[in-house]
Amino acid sequence: MSQSYFQVIAHYFPKPEEVQNVLELLGQLAIESRKEEANMSYGFFRGAEDPAHIVILERYRDAAGFAAHREYEHFQRIGLGQIIPKLSDRRIESYEGSTDA
């Protein structure tokens, strides 16, 4: 039986002096985000060619689950309050998928 999901791919570009801080904060955010009911997975990766390019792969049961993620206290505090101000740029992509695709 197939299962649909909502895939988010975020590209974060920290200010040069903030790369390590952003990685540490993402570690904290990942721990909390993985506890969310609608979260299926949350991982982040540092670019091999560009270490200042961080890619975050998040998977939720549906778009509503991702919307709920953005309202959680940990996202407000860590994501919006601490990580976003340390970025020079960011790009968020979202996709709908299915486990049988």
PDB file of N, CA and C in Angstrom:
ATOM      1  N   MET A   1       0.837  -1.178   0.000  1.00  0.00           N
ATOM      2  CA  MET A   1       0.000   0.000   0.000  1.00  0.00           C
ATOM      3  C   MET A   1       0.893   1.256   0.000  1.00  0.00           C
ATOM      4  N   SER A   2       0.589   2.167  -0.885  1.00  0.00           N
ATOM      5  CA  SER A   2       1.403   3.375  -0.968  1.00  0.00           C
ATOM      6  C   SER A   2       0.985   4.393   0.095  1.00  0.00           C
ATOM      7  N   GLN A   3       1.934   5.223   0.437  1.00  0.00           N
ATOM      8  CA  GLN A   3       1.685   6.270   1.427  1.00  0.00           C
ATOM      9  C   GLN A   3       2.154   7.593   0.820  1.00  0.00           C
ATOM     10  N   SER A   4       1.292   8.587   0.850  1.00  0.00           N
ATOM     11  CA  SER A   4       1.700   9.888   0.334  1.00  0.00           C
ATOM     12  C   SER A   4       2.427  10.658   1.434  1.00  0.00           C
ATOM     13  N   TYR A   5       3.207  11.634   1.029  1.00  0.00           N
ATOM     14  CA  TYR A   5       3.941  12.455   1.984  1.00  0.00           C
ATOM     15  C   TYR A   5       4.219  13.823   1.367  1.00  0.00           C
ATOM     16  N   PHE A   6       4.686  14.736   2.190  1.00  0.00           N
ATOM     17  CA  PHE A   6       5.025  16.089   1.786  1.00  0.00           C
ATOM     18  C   PHE A   6       6.515  16.282   2.046  1.00  0.00           C
ATOM     19  N   GLN A   7       7.276  16.479   0.986  1.00  0.00           N
ATOM     20  CA  GLN A   7       8.737  16.600   1.075  1.00  0.00           C
ATOM     21  C   GLN A   7       9.144  18.072   1.015  1.00  0.00           C
ATOM     22  N   VAL A   8       9.975  18.474   1.932  1.00  0.00           N
ATOM     23  CA  VAL A   8      10.504  19.839   1.941  1.00  0.00           C
ATOM     24  C   VAL A   8      12.018  19.767   1.789  1.00  0.00           C
ATOM     25  N   ILE A   9      12.541  20.596   0.897  1.00  0.00           N
ATOM     26  CA  ILE A   9      13.984  20.712   0.705  1.00  0.00           C
ATOM     27  C   ILE A   9      14.331  22.176   0.919  1.00  0.00           C
ATOM     28  N   ALA A  10      15.082  22.436   1.970  1.00  0.00           N
ATOM     29  CA  ALA A  10      15.475  23.807   2.292  1.00  0.00           C
ATOM     30  C   ALA A  10      16.965  23.975   2.027  1.00  0.00           C
ATOM     31  N   HIS A  11      17.305  25.069   1.395  1.00  0.00           N
ATOM     32  CA  HIS A  11      18.698  25.415   1.120  1.00  0.00           C
ATOM     33  C   HIS A  11      19.027  26.628   1.986  1.00  0.00           C
ATOM     34  N   TYR A  12      19.939  26.453   2.915  1.00  0.00           N
ATOM     35  CA  TYR A  12      20.355  27.530   3.809  1.00  0.00           C
ATOM     36  C   TYR A  12      21.778  27.945   3.460  1.00  0.00           C
ATOM     37  N   PHE A  13      21.991  29.250   3.445  1.00  0.00           N
ATOM     38  CA  PHE A  13      23.302  29.826   3.170  1.00  0.00           C
ATOM     39  C   PHE A  13      23.659  30.748   4.332  1.00  0.00           C
ATOM     40  N   PRO A  14      24.317  30.201   5.359  1.00  0.00           N
ATOM     41  CA  PRO A  14      24.680  31.029   6.516  1.00  0.00           C
ATOM     42  C   PRO A  14      25.729  32.080   6.150  1.00  0.00           C
ATOM     43  N   LYS A  15      25.708  33.160   6.922  1.00  0.00           N
ATOM     44  CA  LYS A  15      26.781  34.137   6.816  1.00  0.00           C
ATOM     45  C   LYS A  15      28.075  33.389   7.137  1.00  0.00           C
ATOM     46  N   PRO A  16      29.196  33.741   6.504  1.00  0.00           N
ATOM     47  CA  PRO A  16      30.445  32.973   6.679  1.00  0.00           C
ATOM     48  C   PRO A  16      30.836  32.701   8.127  1.00  0.00           C
ATOM     49  N   GLU A  17      30.667  33.652   8.990  1.00  0.00           N
ATOM     50  CA  GLU A  17      31.063  33.475  10.390  1.00  0.00           C
ATOM     51  C   GLU A  17      30.029  32.693  11.211  1.00  0.00           C
ATOM     52  N   GLU A  18      28.905  32.338  10.598  1.00  0.00           N
ATOM     53  CA  GLU A  18      27.815  31.679  11.332  1.00  0.00           C
ATOM     54  C   GLU A  18      27.593  30.215  10.950  1.00  0.00           C
ATOM     55  N   VAL A  19      28.387  29.678  10.030  1.00  0.00           N
ATOM     56  CA  VAL A  19      28.161  28.309   9.544  1.00  0.00           C
ATOM     57  C   VAL A  19      28.120  27.305  10.693  1.00  0.00           C
ATOM     58  N   GLN A  20      29.113  27.303  11.541  1.00  0.00           N
ATOM     59  CA  GLN A  20      29.166  26.324  12.638  1.00  0.00           C
ATOM     60  C   GLN A  20      28.004  26.513  13.610  1.00  0.00           C
ATOM     61  N   ASN A  21      27.668  27.756  13.910  1.00  0.00           N
ATOM     62  CA  ASN A  21      26.535  28.022  14.800  1.00  0.00           C
ATOM     63  C   ASN A  21      25.236  27.488  14.209  1.00  0.00           C
ATOM     64  N   VAL A  22      25.025  27.709  12.917  1.00  0.00           N
ATOM     65  CA  VAL A  22      23.814  27.231  12.258  1.00  0.00           C
ATOM     66  C   VAL A  22      23.754  25.701  12.294  1.00  0.00           C
ATOM     67  N   LEU A  23      24.872  25.047  12.041  1.00  0.00           N
ATOM     68  CA  LEU A  23      24.895  23.578  12.091  1.00  0.00           C
ATOM     69  C   LEU A  23      24.533  23.068  13.487  1.00  0.00           C
ATOM     70  N   GLU A  24      25.069  23.696  14.514  1.00  0.00           N
ATOM     71  CA  GLU A  24      24.745  23.280  15.888  1.00  0.00           C
ATOM     72  C   GLU A  24      23.273  23.512  16.206  1.00  0.00           C
ATOM     73  N   LEU A  25      22.745  24.644  15.798  1.00  0.00           N
ATOM     74  CA  LEU A  25      21.324  24.936  16.033  1.00  0.00           C
ATOM     75  C   LEU A  25      20.422  23.988  15.245  1.00  0.00           C
ATOM     76  N   LEU A  26      20.833  23.637  14.032  1.00  0.00           N
ATOM     77  CA  LEU A  26      20.052  22.671  13.245  1.00  0.00           C
ATOM     78  C   LEU A  26      20.017  21.308  13.934  1.00  0.00           C
ATOM     79  N   GLY A  27      21.100  20.948  14.581  1.00  0.00           N
ATOM     80  CA  GLY A  27      21.115  19.697  15.337  1.00  0.00           C
ATOM     81  C   GLY A  27      20.053  19.711  16.428  1.00  0.00           C
ATOM     82  N   GLN A  28      19.933  20.825  17.135  1.00  0.00           N
ATOM     83  CA  GLN A  28      18.913  20.957  18.175  1.00  0.00           C
ATOM     84  C   GLN A  28      17.513  20.938  17.563  1.00  0.00           C
ATOM     85  N   LEU A  29      17.338  21.666  16.462  1.00  0.00           N
ATOM     86  CA  LEU A  29      16.036  21.724  15.804  1.00  0.00           C
ATOM     87  C   LEU A  29      15.626  20.356  15.266  1.00  0.00           C
ATOM     88  N   ALA A  30      16.574  19.615  14.731  1.00  0.00           N
ATOM     89  CA  ALA A  30      16.284  18.289  14.189  1.00  0.00           C
ATOM     90  C   ALA A  30      15.777  17.353  15.278  1.00  0.00           C
ATOM     91  N   ILE A  31      16.419  17.373  16.428  1.00  0.00           N
ATOM     92  CA  ILE A  31      15.994  16.504  17.540  1.00  0.00           C
ATOM     93  C   ILE A  31      14.537  16.763  17.895  1.00  0.00           C
ATOM     94  N   GLU A  32      14.171  18.023  18.026  1.00  0.00           N
ATOM     95  CA  GLU A  32      12.798  18.378  18.396  1.00  0.00           C
ATOM     96  C   GLU A  32      11.817  18.114  17.263  1.00  0.00           C
ATOM     97  N   SER A  33      12.215  18.406  16.039  1.00  0.00           N
ATOM     98  CA  SER A  33      11.323  18.227  14.891  1.00  0.00           C
ATOM     99  C   SER A  33      10.979  16.764  14.662  1.00  0.00           C
ATOM    100  N   ARG A  34      11.920  15.874  14.922  1.00  0.00           N
ATOM    101  CA  ARG A  34      11.669  14.442  14.731  1.00  0.00           C
ATOM    102  C   ARG A  34      10.629  13.904  15.709  1.00  0.00           C
ATOM    103  N   LYS A  35      10.345  14.641  16.770  1.00  0.00           N
ATOM    104  CA  LYS A  35       9.336  14.232  17.750  1.00  0.00           C
ATOM    105  C   LYS A  35       7.915  14.631  17.338  1.00  0.00           C
ATOM    106  N   GLU A  36       7.788  15.464  16.324  1.00  0.00           N
ATOM    107  CA  GLU A  36       6.471  15.929  15.894  1.00  0.00           C
ATOM    108  C   GLU A  36       5.666  14.772  15.307  1.00  0.00           C
ATOM    109  N   GLU A  37       4.387  14.767  15.592  1.00  0.00           N
ATOM    110  CA  GLU A  37       3.514  13.670  15.155  1.00  0.00           C
ATOM    111  C   GLU A  37       3.531  13.473  13.642  1.00  0.00           C
ATOM    112  N   ALA A  38       3.527  14.541  12.872  1.00  0.00           N
ATOM    113  CA  ALA A  38       3.455  14.428  11.409  1.00  0.00           C
ATOM    114  C   ALA A  38       4.814  14.269  10.745  1.00  0.00           C
ATOM    115  N   ASN A  39       5.898  14.377  11.508  1.00  0.00           N
ATOM    116  CA  ASN A  39       7.227  14.287  10.923  1.00  0.00           C
ATOM    117  C   ASN A  39       7.596  12.837  10.640  1.00  0.00           C
ATOM    118  N   MET A  40       8.046  12.588   9.417  1.00  0.00           N
ATOM    119  CA  MET A  40       8.489  11.257   9.022  1.00  0.00           C
ATOM    120  C   MET A  40      10.017  11.167   9.014  1.00  0.00           C
ATOM    121  N   SER A  41      10.682  12.291   8.735  1.00  0.00           N
ATOM    122  CA  SER A  41      12.150  12.332   8.777  1.00  0.00           C
ATOM    123  C   SER A  41      12.618  13.778   8.718  1.00  0.00           C
ATOM    124  N   TYR A  42      13.812  13.995   9.257  1.00  0.00           N
ATOM    125  CA  TYR A  42      14.419  15.331   9.262  1.00  0.00           C
ATOM    126  C   TYR A  42      15.933  15.136   9.288  1.00  0.00           C
ATOM    127  N   GLY A  43      16.589  15.578   8.246  1.00  0.00           N
ATOM    128  CA  GLY A  43      18.042  15.478   8.183  1.00  0.00           C
ATOM    129  C   GLY A  43      18.622  16.706   7.513  1.00  0.00           C
ATOM    130  N   PHE A  44      19.883  16.996   7.796  1.00  0.00           N
ATOM    131  CA  PHE A  44      20.533  18.129   7.151  1.00  0.00           C
ATOM    132  C   PHE A  44      21.960  17.746   6.782  1.00  0.00           C
ATOM    133  N   PHE A  45      22.458  18.405   5.742  1.00  0.00           N
ATOM    134  CA  PHE A  45      23.732  18.039   5.144  1.00  0.00           C
ATOM    135  C   PHE A  45      24.494  19.287   4.747  1.00  0.00           C
ATOM    136  N   ARG A  46      25.787  19.259   4.946  1.00  0.00           N
ATOM    137  CA  ARG A  46      26.661  20.356   4.553  1.00  0.00           C
ATOM    138  C   ARG A  46      27.238  20.039   3.178  1.00  0.00           C
ATOM    139  N   GLY A  47      27.265  21.024   2.301  1.00  0.00           N
ATOM    140  CA  GLY A  47      27.750  20.818   0.943  1.00  0.00           C
ATOM    141  C   GLY A  47      29.194  20.359   0.900  1.00  0.00           C
ATOM    142  N   ALA A  48      29.481  19.369   0.074  1.00  0.00           N
ATOM    143  CA  ALA A  48      30.851  18.883  -0.083  1.00  0.00           C
ATOM    144  C   ALA A  48      31.693  19.883  -0.874  1.00  0.00           C
ATOM    145  N   GLU A  49      31.082  20.519  -1.854  1.00  0.00           N
ATOM    146  CA  GLU A  49      31.797  21.496  -2.678  1.00  0.00           C
ATOM    147  C   GLU A  49      31.710  22.903  -2.096  1.00  0.00           C
ATOM    148  N   ASP A  50      30.616  23.177  -1.399  1.00  0.00           N
ATOM    149  CA  ASP A  50      30.421  24.493  -0.781  1.00  0.00           C
ATOM    150  C   ASP A  50      29.969  24.266   0.657  1.00  0.00           C
ATOM    151  N   PRO A  51      30.880  24.244   1.603  1.00  0.00           N
ATOM    152  CA  PRO A  51      30.551  23.973   3.003  1.00  0.00           C
ATOM    153  C   PRO A  51      29.610  24.996   3.634  1.00  0.00           C
ATOM    154  N   ALA A  52      29.410  26.134   2.979  1.00  0.00           N
ATOM    155  CA  ALA A  52      28.489  27.147   3.488  1.00  0.00           C
ATOM    156  C   ALA A  52      27.082  26.963   2.920  1.00  0.00           C
ATOM    157  N   HIS A  53      26.863  25.875   2.199  1.00  0.00           N
ATOM    158  CA  HIS A  53      25.542  25.547   1.659  1.00  0.00           C
ATOM    159  C   HIS A  53      25.025  24.337   2.443  1.00  0.00           C
ATOM    160  N   ILE A  54      23.953  24.552   3.174  1.00  0.00           N
ATOM    161  CA  ILE A  54      23.358  23.489   3.980  1.00  0.00           C
ATOM    162  C   ILE A  54      22.015  23.118   3.369  1.00  0.00           C
ATOM    163  N   VAL A  55      21.805  21.835   3.173  1.00  0.00           N
ATOM    164  CA  VAL A  55      20.536  21.342   2.636  1.00  0.00           C
ATOM    165  C   VAL A  55      19.818  20.579   3.744  1.00  0.00           C
ATOM    166  N   ILE A  56      18.553  20.916   3.935  1.00  0.00           N
ATOM    167  CA  ILE A  56      17.721  20.257   4.943  1.00  0.00           C
ATOM    168  C   ILE A  56      16.650  19.471   4.201  1.00  0.00           C
ATOM    169  N   LEU A  57      16.531  18.190   4.513  1.00  0.00           N
ATOM    170  CA  LEU A  57      15.496  17.333   3.930  1.00  0.00           C
ATOM    171  C   LEU A  57      14.506  16.983   5.030  1.00  0.00           C
ATOM    172  N   GLU A  58      13.269  17.423   4.854  1.00  0.00           N
ATOM    173  CA  GLU A  58      12.219  17.178   5.835  1.00  0.00           C
ATOM    174  C   GLU A  58      11.068  16.456   5.140  1.00  0.00           C
ATOM    175  N   ARG A  59      10.500  15.477   5.810  1.00  0.00           N
ATOM    176  CA  ARG A  59       9.358  14.762   5.251  1.00  0.00           C
ATOM    177  C   ARG A  59       8.251  14.720   6.296  1.00  0.00           C
ATOM    178  N   TYR A  60       7.049  15.091   5.855  1.00  0.00           N
ATOM    179  CA  TYR A  60       5.863  15.122   6.715  1.00  0.00           C
ATOM    180  C   TYR A  60       4.754  14.304   6.078  1.00  0.00           C
ATOM    181  N   ARG A  61       3.800  13.898   6.893  1.00  0.00           N
ATOM    182  CA  ARG A  61       2.678  13.107   6.376  1.00  0.00           C
ATOM    183  C   ARG A  61       1.887  13.877   5.316  1.00  0.00           C
ATOM    184  N   ASP A  62       1.810  15.200   5.476  1.00  0.00           N
ATOM    185  CA  ASP A  62       1.064  16.032   4.530  1.00  0.00           C
ATOM    186  C   ASP A  62       1.473  17.488   4.712  1.00  0.00           C
ATOM    187  N   ALA A  63       0.932  18.351   3.862  1.00  0.00           N
ATOM    188  CA  ALA A  63       1.260  19.777   3.933  1.00  0.00           C
ATOM    189  C   ALA A  63       0.824  20.375   5.263  1.00  0.00           C
ATOM    190  N   ALA A  64      -0.265  19.891   5.811  1.00  0.00           N
ATOM    191  CA  ALA A  64      -0.740  20.389   7.108  1.00  0.00           C
ATOM    192  C   ALA A  64       0.277  20.074   8.205  1.00  0.00           C
ATOM    193  N   GLY A  65       0.946  18.933   8.108  1.00  0.00           N
ATOM    194  CA  GLY A  65       1.978  18.569   9.072  1.00  0.00           C
ATOM    195  C   GLY A  65       3.154  19.531   9.026  1.00  0.00           C
ATOM    196  N   PHE A  66       3.516  19.956   7.802  1.00  0.00           N
ATOM    197  CA  PHE A  66       4.600  20.935   7.670  1.00  0.00           C
ATOM    198  C   PHE A  66       4.161  22.290   8.206  1.00  0.00           C
ATOM    199  N   ALA A  67       2.921  22.672   7.921  1.00  0.00           N
ATOM    200  CA  ALA A  67       2.397  23.940   8.441  1.00  0.00           C
ATOM    201  C   ALA A  67       2.406  23.923   9.969  1.00  0.00           C
ATOM    202  N   ALA A  68       2.039  22.799  10.560  1.00  0.00           N
ATOM    203  CA  ALA A  68       2.049  22.670  12.016  1.00  0.00           C
ATOM    204  C   ALA A  68       3.476  22.783  12.553  1.00  0.00           C
ATOM    205  N   HIS A  69       4.441  22.195  11.843  1.00  0.00           N
ATOM    206  CA  HIS A  69       5.851  22.261  12.235  1.00  0.00           C
ATOM    207  C   HIS A  69       6.287  23.712  12.419  1.00  0.00           C
ATOM    208  N   ARG A  70       5.854  24.562  11.517  1.00  0.00           N
ATOM    209  CA  ARG A  70       6.260  25.968  11.558  1.00  0.00           C
ATOM    210  C   ARG A  70       5.655  26.724  12.745  1.00  0.00           C
ATOM    211  N   GLU A  71       4.661  26.130  13.384  1.00  0.00           N
ATOM    212  CA  GLU A  71       4.010  26.771  14.531  1.00  0.00           C
ATOM    213  C   GLU A  71       4.525  26.262  15.878  1.00  0.00           C
ATOM    214  N   TYR A  72       5.263  25.169  15.872  1.00  0.00           N
ATOM    215  CA  TYR A  72       5.770  24.619  17.131  1.00  0.00           C
ATOM    216  C   TYR A  72       6.735  25.601  17.800  1.00  0.00           C
ATOM    217  N   GLU A  73       6.767  25.570  19.110  1.00  0.00           N
ATOM    218  CA  GLU A  73       7.622  26.457  19.894  1.00  0.00           C
ATOM    219  C   GLU A  73       9.093  26.296  19.510  1.00  0.00           C
ATOM    220  N   HIS A  74       9.546  25.056  19.323  1.00  0.00           N
ATOM    221  CA  HIS A  74      10.964  24.854  18.996  1.00  0.00           C
ATOM    222  C   HIS A  74      11.331  25.466  17.649  1.00  0.00           C
ATOM    223  N   PHE A  75      10.423  25.427  16.680  1.00  0.00           N
ATOM    224  CA  PHE A  75      10.716  26.043  15.386  1.00  0.00           C
ATOM    225  C   PHE A  75      10.723  27.565  15.516  1.00  0.00           C
ATOM    226  N   GLN A  76       9.766  28.096  16.237  1.00  0.00           N
ATOM    227  CA  GLN A  76       9.700  29.546  16.441  1.00  0.00           C
ATOM    228  C   GLN A  76      10.973  30.048  17.152  1.00  0.00           C
ATOM    229  N   ARG A  77      11.366  29.338  18.178  1.00  0.00           N
ATOM    230  CA  ARG A  77      12.501  29.756  19.000  1.00  0.00           C
ATOM    231  C   ARG A  77      13.843  29.530  18.290  1.00  0.00           C
ATOM    232  N   ILE A  78      14.051  28.302  17.797  1.00  0.00           N
ATOM    233  CA  ILE A  78      15.353  27.962  17.196  1.00  0.00           C
ATOM    234  C   ILE A  78      15.413  28.374  15.723  1.00  0.00           C
ATOM    235  N   GLY A  79      14.417  27.946  14.959  1.00  0.00           N
ATOM    236  CA  GLY A  79      14.428  28.210  13.520  1.00  0.00           C
ATOM    237  C   GLY A  79      14.312  29.682  13.183  1.00  0.00           C
ATOM    238  N   LEU A  80      13.191  30.268  13.563  1.00  0.00           N
ATOM    239  CA  LEU A  80      12.965  31.676  13.237  1.00  0.00           C
ATOM    240  C   LEU A  80      13.790  32.619  14.107  1.00  0.00           C
ATOM    241  N   GLY A  81      13.877  32.316  15.390  1.00  0.00           N
ATOM    242  CA  GLY A  81      14.536  33.225  16.312  1.00  0.00           C
ATOM    243  C   GLY A  81      16.051  33.218  16.264  1.00  0.00           C
ATOM    244  N   GLN A  82      16.659  32.042  15.982  1.00  0.00           N
ATOM    245  CA  GLN A  82      18.110  31.949  16.055  1.00  0.00           C
ATOM    246  C   GLN A  82      18.791  31.635  14.722  1.00  0.00           C
ATOM    247  N   ILE A  83      18.212  30.720  13.932  1.00  0.00           N
ATOM    248  CA  ILE A  83      18.877  30.317  12.689  1.00  0.00           C
ATOM    249  C   ILE A  83      18.683  31.353  11.580  1.00  0.00           C
ATOM    250  N   ILE A  84      17.444  31.720  11.298  1.00  0.00           N
ATOM    251  CA  ILE A  84      17.158  32.609  10.165  1.00  0.00           C
ATOM    252  C   ILE A  84      17.980  33.905  10.220  1.00  0.00           C
ATOM    253  N   PRO A  85      18.137  34.557  11.377  1.00  0.00           N
ATOM    254  CA  PRO A  85      18.958  35.778  11.405  1.00  0.00           C
ATOM    255  C   PRO A  85      20.439  35.543  11.059  1.00  0.00           C
ATOM    256  N   LYS A  86      20.902  34.302  11.112  1.00  0.00           N
ATOM    257  CA  LYS A  86      22.305  33.984  10.824  1.00  0.00           C
ATOM    258  C   LYS A  86      22.529  33.638   9.344  1.00  0.00           C
ATOM    259  N   LEU A  87      21.476  33.703   8.535  1.00  0.00           N
ATOM    260  CA  LEU A  87      21.566  33.341   7.121  1.00  0.00           C
ATOM    261  C   LEU A  87      21.714  34.567   6.237  1.00  0.00           C
ATOM    262  N   SER A  88      22.462  34.405   5.157  1.00  0.00           N
ATOM    263  CA  SER A  88      22.526  35.456   4.144  1.00  0.00           C
ATOM    264  C   SER A  88      21.468  35.218   3.071  1.00  0.00           C
ATOM    265  N   ASP A  89      21.024  33.950   2.955  1.00  0.00           N
ATOM    266  CA  ASP A  89      20.000  33.599   1.968  1.00  0.00           C
ATOM    267  C   ASP A  89      19.411  32.245   2.327  1.00  0.00           C
ATOM    268  N   ARG A  90      18.222  31.983   1.838  1.00  0.00           N
ATOM    269  CA  ARG A  90      17.606  30.660   1.988  1.00  0.00           C
ATOM    270  C   ARG A  90      16.580  30.475   0.886  1.00  0.00           C
ATOM    271  N   ARG A  91      16.332  29.210   0.571  1.00  0.00           N
ATOM    272  CA  ARG A  91      15.357  28.841  -0.461  1.00  0.00           C
ATOM    273  C   ARG A  91      14.649  27.579   0.017  1.00  0.00           C
ATOM    274  N   ILE A  92      13.332  27.578  -0.069  1.00  0.00           N
ATOM    275  CA  ILE A  92      12.536  26.448   0.386  1.00  0.00           C
ATOM    276  C   ILE A  92      11.755  25.886  -0.801  1.00  0.00           C
ATOM    277  N   GLU A  93      11.854  24.576  -1.001  1.00  0.00           N
ATOM    278  CA  GLU A  93      11.104  23.889  -2.054  1.00  0.00           C
ATOM    279  C   GLU A  93      10.216  22.851  -1.385  1.00  0.00           C
ATOM    280  N   SER A  94       9.044  22.590  -1.973  1.00  0.00           N
ATOM    281  CA  SER A  94       8.189  21.541  -1.423  1.00  0.00           C
ATOM    282  C   SER A  94       7.606  20.705  -2.557  1.00  0.00           C
ATOM    283  N   TYR A  95       7.395  19.435  -2.257  1.00  0.00           N
ATOM    284  CA  TYR A  95       6.929  18.462  -3.238  1.00  0.00           C
ATOM    285  C   TYR A  95       5.974  17.483  -2.582  1.00  0.00           C
ATOM    286  N   GLU A  96       5.063  16.964  -3.360  1.00  0.00           N
ATOM    287  CA  GLU A  96       4.208  15.888  -2.892  1.00  0.00           C
ATOM    288  C   GLU A  96       4.758  14.586  -3.475  1.00  0.00           C
ATOM    289  N   GLY A  97       4.801  13.557  -2.658  1.00  0.00           N
ATOM    290  CA  GLY A  97       5.360  12.291  -3.127  1.00  0.00           C
ATOM    291  C   GLY A  97       4.542  11.126  -2.635  1.00  0.00           C
ATOM    292  N   SER A  98       4.960   9.940  -3.067  1.00  0.00           N
ATOM    293  CA  SER A  98       4.296   8.706  -2.694  1.00  0.00           C
ATOM    294  C   SER A  98       5.369   7.636  -2.524  1.00  0.00           C
ATOM    295  N   THR A  99       5.193   6.754  -1.561  1.00  0.00           N
ATOM    296  CA  THR A  99       6.193   5.728  -1.301  1.00  0.00           C
ATOM    297  C   THR A  99       6.294   4.705  -2.424  1.00  0.00           C
ATOM    298  N   ASP A 100       5.304   4.640  -3.303  1.00  0.00           N
ATOM    299  CA  ASP A 100       5.388   3.694  -4.408  1.00  0.00           C
ATOM    300  C   ASP A 100       5.879   4.348  -5.695  1.00  0.00           C
ATOM    301  N   ALA A 101       6.283   5.603  -5.620  1.00  0.00           N
ATOM    302  CA  ALA A 101       6.749   6.318  -6.822  1.00  0.00           C
ATOM    303  C   ALA A 101       8.203   5.991  -7.110  1.00  0.00           C
TER     304      ALA A 101
END
